[in-house]
């Protein structure tokens, strides 16, 4: 791994150059934060990263940090975006008794182990950690990278977090006679995502009622449960067993909130046969694909890229094209 500052070679996976001490990273063009080589998105603002520029080391080396070096310019905050995300709020129940009975260093080690496992389950499913708030953690699915099945990923992560804490409880009960539990709330909706600047401090986060409802669902859930908002349940009902709850009265909400309890994944997910339904509003796109396919059948090579936001129907469009094609590749 080549250092972008002094060009010295370092072992793979190194974070800092063994020769000059510079961090081996990719600099985000939007906010100026250094990210480890190989990162696709900035860990602070979520901007897509370019390849490392050897002329721009992520962090100045010791020589460049000399007292006569000019102060670095302050990057401008990245723009905000309106995005649809799924928010997961998880709160550790029993943390107070843990902190009351154990030595602070032991509490530190136990909570680090707990949060480490929770973070692992979130990251494994493509989510990101937004923040830790005392004995709670807030995770996001849908920013900076969005997937078409983010609500399903979020519920799967929440159930896996419950199972992970159950594994940790075995050691806690044996070593300390204590047991921890999780309350989790999951909610999907629109937020404003981006980098805020308050008092000169920049913070990448999301803001909106979606976040508030997720936190309220978490507080309403009993220990060991995962409560899911209506929009999340609607998107994930084909993959998970979701038990309806009586409408919840949540603080700050004028009307009762529809919610469900996530029981677990369905043994055989119900997959609707979308191909059996008529495709509406895509005549132009289907005609364009059919034209390219006809040219391909005539011996003229074609390449088509279909892009669009999650859920707009890219897979459905390809399914319609397959329905129109014979086995030999020609249109029906």
Protein backbone atom coordinates (compact mmCIF):
# COMPACT_ATOMS: atom_id res chain seq x y z
CA UNK A 1 0.00 0.00 0.00
CA UNK A 2 1.62 3.26 -1.17
CA UNK A 3 1.60 6.31 1.12
CA UNK A 4 0.07 9.29 -0.75
CA UNK A 5 2.42 11.64 1.12
CA UNK A 6 5.93 10.18 0.88
CA UNK A 7 5.26 7.30 -1.56
CA UNK A 8 6.67 4.74 0.88
CA UNK A 9 5.30 1.21 0.65
CA UNK A 10 3.28 -0.04 3.64
CA UNK A 11 1.71 -3.42 4.50
CA UNK A 12 -1.86 -3.92 3.21
CA UNK A 13 -4.50 -2.58 5.60
CA UNK A 14 -2.20 0.04 7.17
CA UNK A 15 -3.96 3.18 8.38
CA UNK A 16 -0.78 5.24 8.87
CA UNK A 17 2.45 5.35 6.95
CA UNK A 18 5.34 3.67 8.80
CA UNK A 19 7.78 6.13 7.19
CA UNK A 20 6.20 9.57 7.68
CA UNK A 21 3.14 8.94 9.89
CA UNK A 22 0.60 10.24 7.35
CA UNK A 23 -2.80 8.57 7.32
CA UNK A 24 -3.30 6.48 4.21
CA UNK A 25 -6.72 7.58 3.14
CA UNK A 26 -8.98 9.01 0.45
CA UNK A 27 -9.94 12.67 0.92
CA UNK A 28 -13.61 13.52 0.47
CA UNK A 29 -13.96 16.36 -2.05
CA UNK A 30 -17.13 17.60 -0.35
CA UNK A 31 -16.11 17.87 3.31
CA UNK A 32 -12.35 17.26 3.30
CA UNK A 33 -12.43 14.28 5.65
CA UNK A 34 -9.91 11.49 5.10
CA UNK A 35 -11.33 8.00 4.57
CA UNK A 36 -9.49 4.65 4.48
CA UNK A 37 -8.34 3.54 1.06
CA UNK A 38 -10.97 1.34 -0.54
CA UNK A 39 -13.86 3.36 0.90
CA UNK A 40 -16.61 4.03 -1.62
CA UNK A 41 -18.44 6.68 0.40
CA UNK A 42 -17.33 9.32 2.91
CA UNK A 43 -17.87 8.25 6.51
CA UNK A 44 -18.89 11.80 7.47
CA UNK A 45 -21.10 13.17 4.70
CA UNK A 46 -21.86 10.11 2.54
CA UNK A 47 -20.45 11.62 -0.67
CA UNK A 48 -19.13 9.13 -3.23
CA UNK A 49 -15.33 9.11 -3.05
CA UNK A 50 -12.93 9.43 -5.97
CA UNK A 51 -9.72 7.43 -6.18
CA UNK A 52 -6.91 8.59 -3.90
CA UNK A 53 -4.93 11.50 -5.30
CA UNK A 54 -1.22 11.05 -4.54
CA UNK A 55 -0.81 14.83 -4.65
CA UNK A 56 -3.39 15.28 -1.85
CA UNK A 57 -2.51 13.24 1.26
CA UNK A 58 -5.47 12.69 3.55
CA UNK A 59 -3.68 14.01 6.57
CA UNK A 60 -0.54 16.09 6.55
CA UNK A 61 2.68 14.34 7.53
CA UNK A 62 4.80 15.45 10.46
CA UNK A 63 6.90 17.65 8.17
CA UNK A 64 3.82 19.33 6.72
CA UNK A 65 2.52 20.02 10.22
CA UNK A 66 5.40 22.35 10.98
CA UNK A 67 4.52 25.63 12.69
CA UNK A 68 5.18 27.64 9.52
CA UNK A 69 2.65 25.63 7.51
CA UNK A 70 -0.44 27.66 6.53
CA UNK A 71 -3.67 26.64 8.28
CA UNK A 72 -5.91 24.44 6.11
CA UNK A 73 -8.97 26.03 4.57
CA UNK A 74 -12.26 25.09 6.18
CA UNK A 75 -14.44 22.88 3.95
CA UNK A 76 -17.97 23.93 3.21
CA UNK A 77 -20.76 21.69 4.53
CA UNK A 78 -22.12 19.19 2.04
CA UNK A 79 -25.57 19.81 0.66
CA UNK A 80 -28.61 18.29 2.29
CA UNK A 81 -30.79 15.70 0.58
CA UNK A 82 -34.35 14.56 1.04
CA UNK A 83 -34.20 10.79 1.28
CA UNK A 84 -36.39 7.87 2.26
CA UNK A 85 -34.66 5.94 5.04
CA UNK A 86 -35.48 3.31 7.62
CA UNK A 87 -34.42 4.26 11.14
CA UNK A 88 -33.62 1.66 13.81
CA UNK A 89 -33.54 2.76 17.47
CA UNK A 90 -32.26 0.18 19.96
CA UNK A 91 -32.09 0.76 23.72
CA UNK A 92 -30.31 -1.50 26.21
CA UNK A 93 -32.60 -2.29 29.16
CA UNK A 94 -30.77 -2.99 32.40
CA UNK A 95 -27.85 -0.68 31.75
CA UNK A 96 -28.53 1.36 34.90
CA UNK A 97 -28.30 -1.67 37.18
CA UNK A 98 -25.20 -2.77 35.31
CA UNK A 99 -23.49 0.56 35.94
CA UNK A 100 -24.63 0.57 39.57
CA UNK A 101 -23.26 -2.87 40.44
CA UNK A 102 -20.04 -3.14 38.45
CA UNK A 103 -16.73 -1.33 38.33
CA UNK A 104 -16.67 1.44 35.67
CA UNK A 105 -13.96 -0.38 33.70
CA UNK A 106 -16.04 -3.54 33.62
CA UNK A 107 -19.08 -1.52 32.53
CA UNK A 108 -16.98 -0.01 29.77
CA UNK A 109 -15.86 -3.43 28.53
CA UNK A 110 -19.36 -4.92 28.69
CA UNK A 111 -21.02 -2.05 26.85
CA UNK A 112 -18.25 -2.04 24.23
CA UNK A 113 -18.86 -5.74 23.63
CA UNK A 114 -22.64 -5.20 23.41
CA UNK A 115 -22.47 -2.26 21.06
CA UNK A 116 -19.78 -3.97 19.01
CA UNK A 117 -22.10 -6.91 18.31
CA UNK A 118 -25.04 -4.63 17.52
CA UNK A 119 -22.95 -2.59 15.10
CA UNK A 120 -21.75 -5.80 13.46
CA UNK A 121 -25.31 -6.92 12.73
CA UNK A 122 -26.21 -3.52 11.27
CA UNK A 123 -23.12 -3.32 9.06
CA UNK A 124 -23.58 -6.90 7.86
CA UNK A 125 -26.90 -5.88 6.32
CA UNK A 126 -25.70 -2.67 4.69
CA UNK A 127 -26.79 -0.21 7.39
CA UNK A 128 -24.79 2.55 9.05
CA UNK A 129 -24.56 3.77 12.63
CA UNK A 130 -25.76 7.35 12.99
CA UNK A 131 -24.98 7.85 16.67
CA UNK A 132 -24.78 6.40 20.17
CA UNK A 133 -26.93 8.11 22.80
CA UNK A 134 -26.07 6.83 26.27
CA UNK A 135 -27.26 3.22 26.28
CA UNK A 136 -29.03 3.54 22.91
CA UNK A 137 -27.88 3.25 19.32
CA UNK A 138 -29.45 4.75 16.20
CA UNK A 139 -28.86 3.04 12.85
CA UNK A 140 -29.89 4.03 9.33
CA UNK A 141 -30.78 2.01 6.25
CA UNK A 142 -31.06 4.04 3.04
CA UNK A 143 -28.25 6.56 3.49
CA UNK A 144 -25.59 7.08 2.29
CA UNK A 145 -26.29 3.96 0.21
CA UNK A 146 -29.88 2.99 -0.60
CA UNK A 147 -31.18 -0.49 -1.33
CA UNK A 148 -34.59 -1.45 -2.64
CA UNK A 149 -35.16 -3.68 0.40
CA UNK A 150 -33.90 -1.35 3.14
CA UNK A 151 -37.00 -1.89 5.36
CA UNK A 152 -36.42 -5.66 5.19
CA UNK A 153 -32.74 -5.21 5.95
CA UNK A 154 -33.62 -3.04 8.95
CA UNK A 155 -36.07 -5.55 10.44
CA UNK A 156 -33.63 -8.40 9.82
CA UNK A 157 -30.90 -6.41 11.58
CA UNK A 158 -33.21 -5.62 14.52
CA UNK A 159 -34.09 -9.30 15.02
CA UNK A 160 -30.41 -10.24 14.70
CA UNK A 161 -29.50 -7.61 17.32
CA UNK A 162 -31.95 -9.24 19.73
CA UNK A 163 -30.35 -12.64 19.09
CA UNK A 164 -26.84 -11.22 19.48
CA UNK A 165 -27.63 -9.73 22.87
CA UNK A 166 -29.01 -13.11 23.91
CA UNK A 167 -25.60 -14.62 23.17
CA UNK A 168 -23.85 -11.95 25.25
CA UNK A 169 -26.22 -12.57 28.16
CA UNK A 170 -24.78 -16.05 28.60
CA UNK A 171 -21.42 -14.56 29.62
CA UNK A 172 -23.03 -11.78 31.66
CA UNK A 173 -25.12 -14.16 33.73
CA UNK A 174 -22.17 -16.46 34.32
CA UNK A 175 -19.68 -13.74 35.25
CA UNK A 176 -21.85 -11.05 36.85
CA UNK A 177 -25.32 -12.48 37.47
CA UNK A 178 -26.83 -9.82 35.19
CA UNK A 179 -28.98 -9.93 32.08
CA UNK A 180 -29.56 -7.19 29.50
CA UNK A 181 -32.44 -6.80 27.07
CA UNK A 182 -33.19 -4.65 24.03
CA UNK A 183 -36.18 -2.55 23.04
CA UNK A 184 -36.13 -1.71 19.34
CA UNK A 185 -38.23 0.62 17.17
CA UNK A 186 -38.09 0.63 13.36
CA UNK A 187 -39.70 3.26 11.16
CA UNK A 188 -39.51 4.26 7.48
CA UNK A 189 -40.14 7.65 5.89
CA UNK A 190 -38.69 10.83 4.45
CA UNK A 191 -35.90 12.70 6.22
CA UNK A 192 -33.44 15.46 5.49
CA UNK A 193 -29.99 13.87 5.35
CA UNK A 194 -26.76 15.82 5.29
CA UNK A 195 -24.14 17.61 7.32
CA UNK A 196 -25.35 20.12 9.90
CA UNK A 197 -23.12 22.83 11.31
CA UNK A 198 -23.98 24.10 14.78
CA UNK A 199 -21.59 26.34 16.66
CA UNK A 200 -18.78 25.53 14.26
CA UNK A 201 -19.21 21.77 14.73
CA UNK A 202 -20.24 19.67 11.74
CA UNK A 203 -22.40 16.62 12.27
CA UNK A 204 -23.72 14.22 9.63
CA UNK A 205 -27.19 13.02 10.57
CA UNK A 206 -30.84 12.84 9.50
CA UNK A 207 -33.73 14.99 10.68
CA UNK A 208 -37.46 14.46 10.43
CA UNK A 209 -40.55 13.02 12.05
CA UNK A 210 -39.50 9.56 10.87
CA UNK A 211 -36.66 9.64 13.41
CA UNK A 212 -38.95 10.80 16.21
CA UNK A 213 -41.50 8.04 15.57
CA UNK A 214 -38.76 5.39 15.53
CA UNK A 215 -37.58 6.60 18.94
CA UNK A 216 -41.16 6.60 20.29
CA UNK A 217 -41.77 3.07 18.98
CA UNK A 218 -38.64 1.93 20.78
CA UNK A 219 -39.87 3.42 24.05
CA UNK A 220 -43.28 1.81 23.62
CA UNK A 221 -41.82 -1.65 22.97
CA UNK A 222 -41.41 -4.06 25.89
CA UNK A 223 -37.94 -5.52 26.54
CA UNK A 224 -37.05 -8.10 23.91
CA UNK A 225 -39.48 -6.77 21.30
CA UNK A 226 -39.13 -5.06 17.91
CA UNK A 227 -41.92 -2.58 17.11
CA UNK A 228 -42.31 -1.60 13.45
CA UNK A 229 -44.04 1.41 11.90
CA UNK A 230 -46.77 1.11 9.29
CA UNK A 231 -44.66 2.12 6.28
CA UNK A 232 -41.92 -0.33 7.23
CA UNK A 233 -44.44 -3.12 7.72
CA UNK A 234 -46.05 -2.41 4.36
CA UNK A 235 -42.69 -2.79 2.61
CA UNK A 236 -41.60 -5.90 4.53
CA UNK A 237 -44.84 -7.84 4.96
CA UNK A 238 -43.92 -10.30 2.20
CA UNK A 239 -40.75 -11.37 4.05
CA UNK A 240 -41.55 -11.15 7.79
CA UNK A 241 -44.30 -12.21 10.13
CA UNK A 242 -45.66 -8.96 11.60
CA UNK A 243 -48.27 -9.10 14.36
CA UNK A 244 -50.60 -6.06 14.41
CA UNK A 245 -50.71 -4.05 17.62
CA UNK A 246 -53.49 -1.89 19.04
CA UNK A 247 -52.95 1.70 17.84
CA UNK A 248 -50.22 3.25 19.98
CA UNK A 249 -50.53 6.61 21.69
CA UNK A 250 -47.06 8.09 21.30
CA UNK A 251 -45.81 11.28 22.90
CA UNK A 252 -45.93 14.20 20.49
CA UNK A 253 -48.34 12.50 18.06
CA UNK A 254 -51.87 13.87 17.83
CA UNK A 255 -53.34 10.64 16.48
CA UNK A 256 -52.74 7.00 17.49
CA UNK A 257 -49.97 5.36 15.48
CA UNK A 258 -50.43 2.08 13.61
CA UNK A 259 -47.65 -0.34 14.51
CA UNK A 260 -46.70 -4.02 14.36
CA UNK A 261 -44.48 -6.38 16.31
CA UNK A 262 -41.84 -8.19 14.25
CA UNK A 263 -42.07 -11.88 15.08
CA UNK A 264 -39.54 -13.30 12.63
CA UNK A 265 -38.89 -14.08 8.97
CA UNK A 266 -41.52 -16.02 7.07
CA UNK A 267 -40.57 -19.63 6.35
CA UNK A 268 -41.59 -19.12 2.72
CA UNK A 269 -41.65 -15.41 1.83
CA UNK A 270 -44.72 -14.50 -0.18
CA UNK A 271 -43.45 -13.11 -3.47
CA UNK A 272 -46.18 -11.45 -5.53
CA UNK A 273 -46.26 -12.38 -9.21
CA UNK A 274 -45.66 -8.90 -10.55
CA UNK A 275 -45.29 -10.23 -14.09
CA UNK A 276 -48.95 -11.21 -14.05
CA UNK A 277 -50.00 -7.60 -13.56
CA UNK A 278 -50.11 -5.08 -16.41
CA UNK A 279 -47.16 -2.72 -16.67
CA UNK A 280 -48.45 0.86 -16.58
CA UNK A 281 -46.69 4.02 -17.72
CA UNK A 282 -43.57 2.42 -19.21
CA UNK A 283 -44.51 2.12 -22.89
CA UNK A 284 -41.64 4.38 -23.99
CA UNK A 285 -39.05 2.46 -22.01
CA UNK A 286 -40.33 -0.94 -23.19
CA UNK A 287 -40.30 0.27 -26.81
CA UNK A 288 -36.69 1.49 -26.44
CA UNK A 289 -35.57 -1.85 -25.01
CA UNK A 290 -37.45 -3.78 -27.68
CA UNK A 291 -35.75 -1.69 -30.37
CA UNK A 292 -32.29 -2.43 -28.94
CA UNK A 293 -33.10 -6.12 -28.72
CA UNK A 294 -34.28 -6.15 -32.33
CA UNK A 295 -30.99 -4.56 -33.39
CA UNK A 296 -29.09 -7.15 -31.39
CA UNK A 297 -30.97 -9.96 -33.12
CA UNK A 298 -29.94 -8.36 -36.43
CA UNK A 299 -26.27 -8.61 -35.53
CA UNK A 300 -25.68 -5.14 -34.10
CA UNK A 301 -24.26 -5.23 -30.58
CA UNK A 302 -26.16 -3.21 -27.99
CA UNK A 303 -25.61 -2.18 -24.38
CA UNK A 304 -28.32 -0.61 -22.22
CA UNK A 305 -28.02 0.72 -18.66
CA UNK A 306 -31.23 1.12 -16.63
CA UNK A 307 -30.93 3.55 -13.72
CA UNK A 308 -33.41 4.95 -11.23
CA UNK A 309 -34.23 5.35 -7.57
CA UNK A 310 -35.00 2.24 -5.50
CA UNK A 311 -38.52 0.99 -6.07
CA UNK A 312 -39.25 2.76 -9.37
CA UNK A 313 -39.55 -0.54 -11.24
CA UNK A 314 -36.19 -1.36 -12.87
CA UNK A 315 -36.52 -5.10 -12.22
CA UNK A 316 -40.16 -5.00 -13.29
CA UNK A 317 -39.13 -3.39 -16.58
CA UNK A 318 -36.62 -6.16 -17.27
CA UNK A 319 -39.25 -8.74 -16.38
CA UNK A 320 -41.57 -7.25 -18.98
CA UNK A 321 -38.80 -7.44 -21.59
CA UNK A 322 -38.21 -11.13 -20.82
CA UNK A 323 -41.89 -11.77 -21.29
CA UNK A 324 -41.72 -10.28 -24.78
CA UNK A 325 -38.72 -12.31 -25.94
CA UNK A 326 -38.64 -15.77 -27.51
CA UNK A 327 -36.00 -18.31 -26.50
CA UNK A 328 -33.95 -17.37 -29.59
CA UNK A 329 -33.77 -13.73 -28.48
CA UNK A 330 -36.28 -12.31 -30.97
CA UNK A 331 -39.38 -10.39 -30.00
CA UNK A 332 -42.69 -12.21 -29.88
